[in-house]
N, C-alpha and C. Protein backbone atom coordinates (compact mmCIF):
# COMPACT_ATOMS: atom_id res chain seq x y z
N MET A 1 -26.99 15.49 -14.95
CA MET A 1 -25.77 15.45 -14.17
C MET A 1 -24.57 15.31 -15.09
N ARG A 2 -24.70 14.44 -16.10
CA ARG A 2 -23.60 14.26 -17.05
C ARG A 2 -23.31 15.56 -17.78
N GLY A 3 -24.35 16.23 -18.22
CA GLY A 3 -24.19 17.50 -18.92
C GLY A 3 -23.54 18.55 -18.03
N LEU A 4 -23.95 18.60 -16.79
CA LEU A 4 -23.37 19.55 -15.85
C LEU A 4 -21.89 19.27 -15.63
N ALA A 5 -21.54 18.01 -15.47
CA ALA A 5 -20.13 17.65 -15.28
C ALA A 5 -19.30 18.06 -16.48
N PHE A 6 -19.85 17.86 -17.67
CA PHE A 6 -19.14 18.23 -18.90
C PHE A 6 -18.96 19.75 -18.98
N GLU A 7 -20.02 20.49 -18.72
CA GLU A 7 -19.97 21.95 -18.80
C GLU A 7 -19.13 22.58 -17.69
N ALA A 8 -19.11 21.96 -16.53
CA ALA A 8 -18.38 22.52 -15.38
C ALA A 8 -16.88 22.59 -15.65
N GLU A 9 -16.40 21.74 -16.54
CA GLU A 9 -14.98 21.80 -16.88
C GLU A 9 -14.64 23.12 -17.58
N ARG A 10 -15.57 23.61 -18.40
CA ARG A 10 -15.34 24.87 -19.12
C ARG A 10 -15.85 26.08 -18.34
N ALA A 11 -16.87 25.89 -17.54
CA ALA A 11 -17.47 26.98 -16.77
C ALA A 11 -17.47 26.58 -15.30
N THR A 12 -16.32 26.74 -14.67
CA THR A 12 -16.15 26.26 -13.29
C THR A 12 -17.16 26.89 -12.33
N GLU A 13 -17.59 28.13 -12.60
CA GLU A 13 -18.55 28.77 -11.71
C GLU A 13 -19.90 28.04 -11.73
N LEU A 14 -20.23 27.43 -12.84
CA LEU A 14 -21.48 26.66 -12.94
C LEU A 14 -21.43 25.45 -12.01
N GLY A 15 -20.33 24.72 -12.05
CA GLY A 15 -20.17 23.57 -11.17
C GLY A 15 -20.18 23.98 -9.71
N GLU A 16 -19.49 25.06 -9.41
CA GLU A 16 -19.43 25.54 -8.02
C GLU A 16 -20.81 25.97 -7.53
N LEU A 17 -21.56 26.64 -8.38
CA LEU A 17 -22.91 27.06 -8.02
C LEU A 17 -23.79 25.86 -7.72
N PHE A 18 -23.74 24.84 -8.58
CA PHE A 18 -24.52 23.63 -8.35
C PHE A 18 -24.12 22.97 -7.03
N LEU A 19 -22.82 22.83 -6.80
CA LEU A 19 -22.36 22.18 -5.57
C LEU A 19 -22.81 22.92 -4.33
N ARG A 20 -22.67 24.24 -4.34
CA ARG A 20 -23.08 25.03 -3.16
C ARG A 20 -24.57 24.94 -2.89
N ARG A 21 -25.38 24.93 -3.94
CA ARG A 21 -26.83 24.96 -3.75
C ARG A 21 -27.47 23.58 -3.66
N GLY A 22 -26.71 22.55 -3.93
CA GLY A 22 -27.26 21.19 -3.90
C GLY A 22 -26.50 20.29 -2.94
N PRO A 23 -25.50 19.57 -3.45
CA PRO A 23 -24.79 18.60 -2.62
C PRO A 23 -24.18 19.18 -1.34
N ASP A 24 -23.61 20.37 -1.39
CA ASP A 24 -23.01 20.95 -0.17
C ASP A 24 -24.07 21.18 0.91
N ARG A 25 -25.23 21.66 0.50
CA ARG A 25 -26.32 21.89 1.47
C ARG A 25 -26.80 20.58 2.09
N THR A 26 -26.92 19.58 1.25
CA THR A 26 -27.37 18.28 1.76
C THR A 26 -26.37 17.71 2.74
N ARG A 27 -25.08 17.73 2.36
CA ARG A 27 -24.04 17.21 3.26
C ARG A 27 -24.00 17.99 4.56
N GLN A 28 -24.15 19.32 4.48
CA GLN A 28 -24.09 20.12 5.70
C GLN A 28 -25.30 19.86 6.60
N ALA A 29 -26.47 19.72 6.02
CA ALA A 29 -27.66 19.41 6.83
C ALA A 29 -27.49 18.07 7.53
N LEU A 30 -26.98 17.08 6.83
CA LEU A 30 -26.74 15.78 7.45
C LEU A 30 -25.64 15.89 8.50
N ALA A 31 -24.60 16.64 8.21
CA ALA A 31 -23.51 16.83 9.18
C ALA A 31 -24.03 17.49 10.45
N ASP A 32 -24.90 18.47 10.31
CA ASP A 32 -25.49 19.13 11.48
C ASP A 32 -26.30 18.14 12.31
N TYR A 33 -27.07 17.31 11.64
CA TYR A 33 -27.85 16.29 12.34
C TYR A 33 -26.91 15.31 13.06
N LEU A 34 -25.89 14.85 12.37
CA LEU A 34 -24.94 13.91 12.99
C LEU A 34 -24.22 14.55 14.17
N ALA A 35 -23.84 15.82 14.04
CA ALA A 35 -23.17 16.53 15.15
C ALA A 35 -24.10 16.60 16.36
N ASP A 36 -25.38 16.82 16.11
CA ASP A 36 -26.35 16.85 17.20
C ASP A 36 -26.44 15.48 17.88
N GLN A 37 -26.40 14.42 17.10
CA GLN A 37 -26.44 13.07 17.67
C GLN A 37 -25.17 12.77 18.47
N VAL A 38 -24.05 13.29 18.02
CA VAL A 38 -22.79 13.16 18.78
C VAL A 38 -22.93 13.90 20.10
N ALA A 39 -23.44 15.13 20.06
CA ALA A 39 -23.62 15.93 21.27
C ALA A 39 -24.56 15.25 22.27
N ARG A 40 -25.52 14.51 21.78
CA ARG A 40 -26.47 13.79 22.64
C ARG A 40 -25.93 12.45 23.12
N GLY A 41 -24.74 12.10 22.65
CA GLY A 41 -24.11 10.85 23.07
C GLY A 41 -24.60 9.61 22.33
N ARG A 42 -25.33 9.81 21.25
CA ARG A 42 -25.88 8.68 20.50
C ARG A 42 -24.93 8.13 19.45
N LEU A 43 -24.05 8.99 18.94
CA LEU A 43 -23.07 8.57 17.93
C LEU A 43 -21.68 8.98 18.37
N ALA A 44 -20.69 8.27 17.90
CA ALA A 44 -19.29 8.59 18.16
C ALA A 44 -18.62 8.86 16.82
N LEU A 45 -18.51 10.12 16.47
CA LEU A 45 -17.88 10.52 15.21
C LEU A 45 -16.88 11.63 15.48
N GLU A 46 -15.70 11.51 14.91
CA GLU A 46 -14.71 12.58 15.06
C GLU A 46 -15.05 13.78 14.19
N ASP A 47 -15.56 13.53 12.99
CA ASP A 47 -15.83 14.60 12.04
C ASP A 47 -17.18 14.35 11.37
N PRO A 48 -18.25 14.95 11.90
CA PRO A 48 -19.58 14.72 11.34
C PRO A 48 -19.69 15.10 9.86
N ARG A 49 -18.98 16.12 9.41
CA ARG A 49 -19.03 16.53 7.99
C ARG A 49 -18.45 15.43 7.10
N GLU A 50 -17.32 14.88 7.53
CA GLU A 50 -16.71 13.80 6.77
C GLU A 50 -17.62 12.56 6.78
N ALA A 51 -18.20 12.27 7.94
CA ALA A 51 -19.10 11.12 8.07
C ALA A 51 -20.32 11.29 7.17
N ALA A 52 -20.83 12.51 7.06
CA ALA A 52 -21.97 12.77 6.18
C ALA A 52 -21.60 12.44 4.74
N GLY A 53 -20.44 12.86 4.31
CA GLY A 53 -19.99 12.54 2.95
C GLY A 53 -19.83 11.05 2.73
N MET A 54 -19.32 10.36 3.73
CA MET A 54 -19.15 8.91 3.61
C MET A 54 -20.50 8.21 3.50
N PHE A 55 -21.45 8.63 4.31
CA PHE A 55 -22.78 8.01 4.28
C PHE A 55 -23.46 8.24 2.93
N ILE A 56 -23.41 9.46 2.45
CA ILE A 56 -24.00 9.76 1.16
C ILE A 56 -23.31 8.96 0.06
N GLY A 57 -22.00 8.82 0.16
CA GLY A 57 -21.26 8.02 -0.81
C GLY A 57 -21.72 6.57 -0.81
N MET A 58 -21.98 6.03 0.37
CA MET A 58 -22.49 4.65 0.44
C MET A 58 -23.85 4.55 -0.24
N LEU A 59 -24.70 5.51 -0.01
CA LEU A 59 -26.04 5.47 -0.60
C LEU A 59 -25.98 5.53 -2.12
N LEU A 60 -25.14 6.38 -2.65
CA LEU A 60 -25.04 6.55 -4.10
C LEU A 60 -24.27 5.41 -4.75
N GLY A 61 -23.09 5.13 -4.20
CA GLY A 61 -22.27 4.01 -4.64
C GLY A 61 -22.19 3.81 -6.14
N GLU A 62 -22.14 2.56 -6.53
CA GLU A 62 -21.97 2.21 -7.94
C GLU A 62 -23.19 2.56 -8.78
N TRP A 63 -24.35 2.66 -8.18
CA TRP A 63 -25.54 3.03 -8.95
C TRP A 63 -25.35 4.40 -9.58
N HIS A 64 -24.82 5.33 -8.81
CA HIS A 64 -24.61 6.69 -9.30
C HIS A 64 -23.59 6.71 -10.43
N ILE A 65 -22.49 6.04 -10.25
CA ILE A 65 -21.45 6.00 -11.27
C ILE A 65 -21.97 5.33 -12.55
N ASP A 66 -22.63 4.20 -12.38
CA ASP A 66 -23.18 3.49 -13.54
C ASP A 66 -24.14 4.39 -14.32
N THR A 67 -25.01 5.08 -13.62
CA THR A 67 -25.99 5.95 -14.26
C THR A 67 -25.30 7.13 -14.96
N LEU A 68 -24.33 7.74 -14.29
CA LEU A 68 -23.60 8.85 -14.91
C LEU A 68 -22.93 8.44 -16.21
N LEU A 69 -22.49 7.20 -16.28
CA LEU A 69 -21.80 6.72 -17.47
C LEU A 69 -22.76 6.09 -18.49
N GLY A 70 -24.06 6.28 -18.27
CA GLY A 70 -25.04 5.90 -19.26
C GLY A 70 -25.66 4.53 -19.12
N ARG A 71 -25.31 3.79 -18.10
CA ARG A 71 -25.92 2.47 -17.91
C ARG A 71 -27.34 2.65 -17.40
N ARG A 72 -28.26 1.98 -18.04
CA ARG A 72 -29.66 2.06 -17.61
C ARG A 72 -29.85 1.19 -16.38
N MET A 73 -30.43 1.78 -15.36
CA MET A 73 -30.66 1.07 -14.11
C MET A 73 -32.16 0.86 -13.95
N GLU A 74 -32.54 -0.37 -13.73
CA GLU A 74 -33.95 -0.72 -13.52
C GLU A 74 -34.15 -0.97 -12.03
N LEU A 75 -34.23 0.11 -11.29
CA LEU A 75 -34.35 0.02 -9.83
C LEU A 75 -35.74 0.47 -9.41
N GLY A 76 -36.36 -0.34 -8.59
CA GLY A 76 -37.66 0.02 -8.07
C GLY A 76 -37.55 0.61 -6.67
N PRO A 77 -38.63 1.16 -6.18
CA PRO A 77 -38.64 1.75 -4.84
C PRO A 77 -38.20 0.76 -3.76
N ALA A 78 -38.58 -0.50 -3.88
CA ALA A 78 -38.21 -1.49 -2.86
C ALA A 78 -36.70 -1.69 -2.82
N GLN A 79 -36.06 -1.73 -3.99
CA GLN A 79 -34.60 -1.89 -4.03
C GLN A 79 -33.91 -0.67 -3.43
N CYS A 80 -34.40 0.50 -3.75
CA CYS A 80 -33.79 1.73 -3.21
C CYS A 80 -33.95 1.80 -1.70
N GLU A 81 -35.13 1.44 -1.21
CA GLU A 81 -35.36 1.46 0.23
C GLU A 81 -34.50 0.42 0.94
N ALA A 82 -34.38 -0.76 0.35
CA ALA A 82 -33.55 -1.81 0.95
C ALA A 82 -32.10 -1.36 1.03
N ARG A 83 -31.61 -0.71 -0.02
CA ARG A 83 -30.23 -0.21 0.00
C ARG A 83 -30.07 0.87 1.08
N ALA A 84 -31.02 1.77 1.16
CA ALA A 84 -30.95 2.83 2.16
C ALA A 84 -30.92 2.25 3.57
N ARG A 85 -31.75 1.27 3.82
CA ARG A 85 -31.77 0.62 5.15
C ARG A 85 -30.46 -0.10 5.44
N HIS A 86 -29.92 -0.79 4.44
CA HIS A 86 -28.67 -1.52 4.63
C HIS A 86 -27.51 -0.54 4.86
N CYS A 87 -27.43 0.50 4.06
CA CYS A 87 -26.38 1.50 4.25
C CYS A 87 -26.47 2.15 5.62
N THR A 88 -27.69 2.44 6.06
CA THR A 88 -27.88 3.05 7.37
C THR A 88 -27.42 2.10 8.48
N ALA A 89 -27.75 0.83 8.36
CA ALA A 89 -27.33 -0.15 9.36
C ALA A 89 -25.81 -0.27 9.41
N VAL A 90 -25.17 -0.32 8.24
CA VAL A 90 -23.72 -0.42 8.18
C VAL A 90 -23.09 0.83 8.78
N PHE A 91 -23.58 1.99 8.40
CA PHE A 91 -23.07 3.27 8.92
C PHE A 91 -23.20 3.34 10.43
N LEU A 92 -24.38 3.04 10.93
CA LEU A 92 -24.62 3.14 12.37
C LEU A 92 -23.83 2.12 13.17
N SER A 93 -23.55 0.96 12.58
CA SER A 93 -22.76 -0.04 13.32
C SER A 93 -21.34 0.47 13.54
N GLY A 94 -20.86 1.31 12.66
CA GLY A 94 -19.52 1.88 12.83
C GLY A 94 -19.50 3.19 13.59
N ALA A 95 -20.67 3.82 13.76
CA ALA A 95 -20.72 5.13 14.39
C ALA A 95 -21.41 5.15 15.74
N SER A 96 -21.95 4.04 16.16
CA SER A 96 -22.70 4.01 17.43
C SER A 96 -21.78 4.33 18.60
N ALA A 97 -22.34 5.05 19.54
CA ALA A 97 -21.57 5.46 20.71
C ALA A 97 -21.32 4.26 21.62
């Protein structure tokens, strides 16, 4: 990821290609799911695409930034799952219909 970020500054098409085929697809798939939940009356969101980005941002948070900047993270599956559950609970408490 660090290498890609460095190279994308010189080769913008490389960064754009990665974004379209990776993060953009993930955000859109989540946005589609959230929009479906809004349509079913389960969630109250004005902009499911924006909400998807916010949720993903919560999941990645400081761990992602720390790792990108070279800090070694000693995270086990239990810690990752606990964070995912906590982020989901926080997100849903603000988005529940």
